[in-house]
Amino acid sequence: MEIKTSQEFFETKLPVRFKPEKAKDIEATIQVNLTGNNPNDWVIIVKNQKIQTFQGITEEPILILKVSEEDFLEIVNGKISIEKAFFSGKVDVKGDIAIALKLKDTGFL
């Protein structure tokens, strides 16, 4: 079933999609800044093989992703890969790129 909003993804789908066994060596705070018609900000914390999400801004993220909500939904719905979105300029990534790649395996991206 297609995810229709970022809120649906972060609050409902991500907790189900998250694969804790793939997050053994990940401890990260990620800031996601969504732009476009429905701009909002989300914080994702991965620690001790668990994931937490909440709306808002964090002071010291290890990774910041800036993307339009439309492009973000294309990524999480599998219509475009995070790599293709990054290389085509749809996603602005600041910080630890290696963490972004690891997060893909956990079901986040």
C-alpha atoms as a PDB file:
ATOM      1  CA  MET A   1       0.000   0.000   0.000  1.00  0.00           C
ATOM      2  CA  GLU A   2       1.409   3.355  -1.031  1.00  0.00           C
ATOM      3  CA  ILE A   3       2.476   5.799   1.662  1.00  0.00           C
ATOM      4  CA  LYS A   4       0.657   9.103   1.083  1.00  0.00           C
ATOM      5  CA  THR A   5       2.254  11.494   3.605  1.00  0.00           C
ATOM      6  CA  SER A   6       5.543  11.865   5.434  1.00  0.00           C
ATOM      7  CA  GLN A   7       3.655  11.744   8.729  1.00  0.00           C
ATOM      8  CA  GLU A   8       2.199   8.358   7.788  1.00  0.00           C
ATOM      9  CA  PHE A   9       5.691   7.112   6.956  1.00  0.00           C
ATOM     10  CA  PHE A  10       7.409   8.315  10.127  1.00  0.00           C
ATOM     11  CA  GLU A  11       4.647   7.468  12.580  1.00  0.00           C
ATOM     12  CA  THR A  12       3.162   4.281  11.106  1.00  0.00           C
ATOM     13  CA  LYS A  13       5.296   2.645   8.416  1.00  0.00           C
ATOM     14  CA  LEU A  14       8.880   3.249   9.567  1.00  0.00           C
ATOM     15  CA  PRO A  15       8.456   1.513  12.941  1.00  0.00           C
ATOM     16  CA  VAL A  16       7.146  -1.582  11.083  1.00  0.00           C
ATOM     17  CA  ARG A  17       9.744  -1.465   8.281  1.00  0.00           C
ATOM     18  CA  PHE A  18      12.683  -0.952  10.630  1.00  0.00           C
ATOM     19  CA  LYS A  19      15.036  -3.962  10.779  1.00  0.00           C
ATOM     20  CA  PRO A  20      16.797  -3.833  14.161  1.00  0.00           C
ATOM     21  CA  GLU A  21      19.185  -6.648  13.239  1.00  0.00           C
ATOM     22  CA  LYS A  22      20.616  -4.377  10.512  1.00  0.00           C
ATOM     23  CA  ALA A  23      21.188  -1.543  13.006  1.00  0.00           C
ATOM     24  CA  LYS A  24      23.688  -3.303  15.291  1.00  0.00           C
ATOM     25  CA  ASP A  25      26.502  -0.824  14.758  1.00  0.00           C
ATOM     26  CA  ILE A  26      24.434   2.293  14.148  1.00  0.00           C
ATOM     27  CA  GLU A  27      24.028   5.054  16.670  1.00  0.00           C
ATOM     28  CA  ALA A  28      22.796   8.177  14.936  1.00  0.00           C
ATOM     29  CA  THR A  29      20.536  11.185  15.128  1.00  0.00           C
ATOM     30  CA  ILE A  30      19.201  12.185  11.729  1.00  0.00           C
ATOM     31  CA  GLN A  31      17.417  15.387  10.783  1.00  0.00           C
ATOM     32  CA  VAL A  32      15.016  15.205   7.836  1.00  0.00           C
ATOM     33  CA  ASN A  33      13.887  18.575   6.486  1.00  0.00           C
ATOM     34  CA  LEU A  34      10.990  18.217   4.073  1.00  0.00           C
ATOM     35  CA  THR A  35      10.190  21.078   1.714  1.00  0.00           C
ATOM     36  CA  GLY A  36       7.409  21.748  -0.768  1.00  0.00           C
ATOM     37  CA  ASN A  37       3.644  21.979  -0.262  1.00  0.00           C
ATOM     38  CA  ASN A  38       3.738  20.280   3.143  1.00  0.00           C
ATOM     39  CA  PRO A  39       7.040  21.355   4.728  1.00  0.00           C
ATOM     40  CA  ASN A  40       7.949  19.785   8.028  1.00  0.00           C
ATOM     41  CA  ASP A  41      10.925  18.501   9.959  1.00  0.00           C
ATOM     42  CA  TRP A  42      11.503  15.073  11.477  1.00  0.00           C
ATOM     43  CA  VAL A  43      14.120  13.681  13.824  1.00  0.00           C
ATOM     44  CA  ILE A  44      15.081  10.015  13.679  1.00  0.00           C
ATOM     45  CA  ILE A  45      17.170   8.467  16.423  1.00  0.00           C
ATOM     46  CA  VAL A  46      18.706   5.033  15.955  1.00  0.00           C
ATOM     47  CA  LYS A  47      20.305   3.629  19.079  1.00  0.00           C
ATOM     48  CA  ASN A  48      20.578   0.189  20.680  1.00  0.00           C
ATOM     49  CA  GLN A  49      18.902  -1.367  17.629  1.00  0.00           C
ATOM     50  CA  LYS A  50      15.770   0.735  18.177  1.00  0.00           C
ATOM     51  CA  ILE A  51      14.307   3.626  16.251  1.00  0.00           C
ATOM     52  CA  GLN A  52      12.471   6.696  17.493  1.00  0.00           C
ATOM     53  CA  THR A  53      10.879   9.393  15.378  1.00  0.00           C
ATOM     54  CA  PHE A  54       9.348  12.718  16.210  1.00  0.00           C
ATOM     55  CA  GLN A  55       8.505  15.957  14.482  1.00  0.00           C
ATOM     56  CA  GLY A  56      10.898  18.783  15.144  1.00  0.00           C
ATOM     57  CA  ILE A  57      14.493  19.930  14.998  1.00  0.00           C
ATOM     58  CA  THR A  58      17.510  18.471  16.745  1.00  0.00           C
ATOM     59  CA  GLU A  59      20.591  20.449  17.704  1.00  0.00           C
ATOM     60  CA  GLU A  60      23.374  18.059  16.671  1.00  0.00           C
ATOM     61  CA  PRO A  61      22.378  15.584  13.963  1.00  0.00           C
ATOM     62  CA  ILE A  62      25.050  13.344  12.480  1.00  0.00           C
ATOM     63  CA  LEU A  63      23.185  13.470   9.164  1.00  0.00           C
ATOM     64  CA  ILE A  64      20.818  16.011   7.588  1.00  0.00           C
ATOM     65  CA  LEU A  65      18.600  15.143   4.637  1.00  0.00           C
ATOM     66  CA  LYS A  66      16.784  17.942   2.819  1.00  0.00           C
ATOM     67  CA  VAL A  67      14.239  16.844   0.231  1.00  0.00           C
ATOM     68  CA  SER A  68      10.796  17.791  -1.010  1.00  0.00           C
ATOM     69  CA  GLU A  69       8.002  15.722   0.519  1.00  0.00           C
ATOM     70  CA  GLU A  70       7.013  14.625  -3.003  1.00  0.00           C
ATOM     71  CA  ASP A  71      10.503  13.254  -3.736  1.00  0.00           C
ATOM     72  CA  PHE A  72      10.738  11.739  -0.244  1.00  0.00           C
ATOM     73  CA  LEU A  73       7.501   9.829  -0.836  1.00  0.00           C
ATOM     74  CA  GLU A  74       8.861   8.562  -4.166  1.00  0.00           C
ATOM     75  CA  ILE A  75      11.911   7.236  -2.298  1.00  0.00           C
ATOM     76  CA  VAL A  76      10.002   5.522   0.524  1.00  0.00           C
ATOM     77  CA  ASN A  77       7.487   4.077  -1.943  1.00  0.00           C
ATOM     78  CA  GLY A  78      10.321   2.562  -3.993  1.00  0.00           C
ATOM     79  CA  LYS A  79       9.719   4.632  -7.127  1.00  0.00           C
ATOM     80  CA  ILE A  80      13.254   6.062  -7.031  1.00  0.00           C
ATOM     81  CA  SER A  81      16.327   4.901  -5.120  1.00  0.00           C
ATOM     82  CA  ILE A  82      17.975   7.158  -2.566  1.00  0.00           C
ATOM     83  CA  GLU A  83      21.170   6.970  -4.629  1.00  0.00           C
ATOM     84  CA  LYS A  84      19.422   8.111  -7.809  1.00  0.00           C
ATOM     85  CA  ALA A  85      17.629  10.883  -5.891  1.00  0.00           C
ATOM     86  CA  PHE A  86      20.951  12.037  -4.432  1.00  0.00           C
ATOM     87  CA  PHE A  87      22.845  12.022  -7.732  1.00  0.00           C
ATOM     88  CA  SER A  88      20.005  13.796  -9.550  1.00  0.00           C
ATOM     89  CA  GLY A  89      20.015  16.582  -6.939  1.00  0.00           C
ATOM     90  CA  LYS A  90      16.640  15.720  -5.405  1.00  0.00           C
ATOM     91  CA  VAL A  91      18.173  15.061  -1.982  1.00  0.00           C
ATOM     92  CA  ASP A  92      20.683  17.303  -0.258  1.00  0.00           C
ATOM     93  CA  VAL A  93      22.769  15.295   2.211  1.00  0.00           C
ATOM     94  CA  LYS A  94      25.020  16.865   4.819  1.00  0.00           C
ATOM     95  CA  GLY A  95      27.055  14.902   7.288  1.00  0.00           C
ATOM     96  CA  ASP A  96      27.992  11.236   7.442  1.00  0.00           C
ATOM     97  CA  ILE A  97      27.099   9.707   4.055  1.00  0.00           C
ATOM     98  CA  ALA A  98      28.174   6.266   5.294  1.00  0.00           C
ATOM     99  CA  ILE A  99      25.380   6.400   7.885  1.00  0.00           C
ATOM    100  CA  ALA A 100      22.869   7.172   5.131  1.00  0.00           C
ATOM    101  CA  LEU A 101      23.941   4.047   3.264  1.00  0.00           C
ATOM    102  CA  LYS A 102      23.727   1.923   6.420  1.00  0.00           C
ATOM    103  CA  LEU A 103      20.259   3.307   7.169  1.00  0.00           C
ATOM    104  CA  LYS A 104      19.038   2.086   3.805  1.00  0.00           C
ATOM    105  CA  ASP A 105      19.562  -1.506   4.971  1.00  0.00           C
ATOM    106  CA  THR A 106      17.521  -0.858   8.120  1.00  0.00           C
ATOM    107  CA  GLY A 107      14.402   0.020   6.129  1.00  0.00           C
ATOM    108  CA  PHE A 108      14.673   3.761   6.645  1.00  0.00           C
ATOM    109  CA  LEU A 109      15.422   4.828   3.066  1.00  0.00           C
END
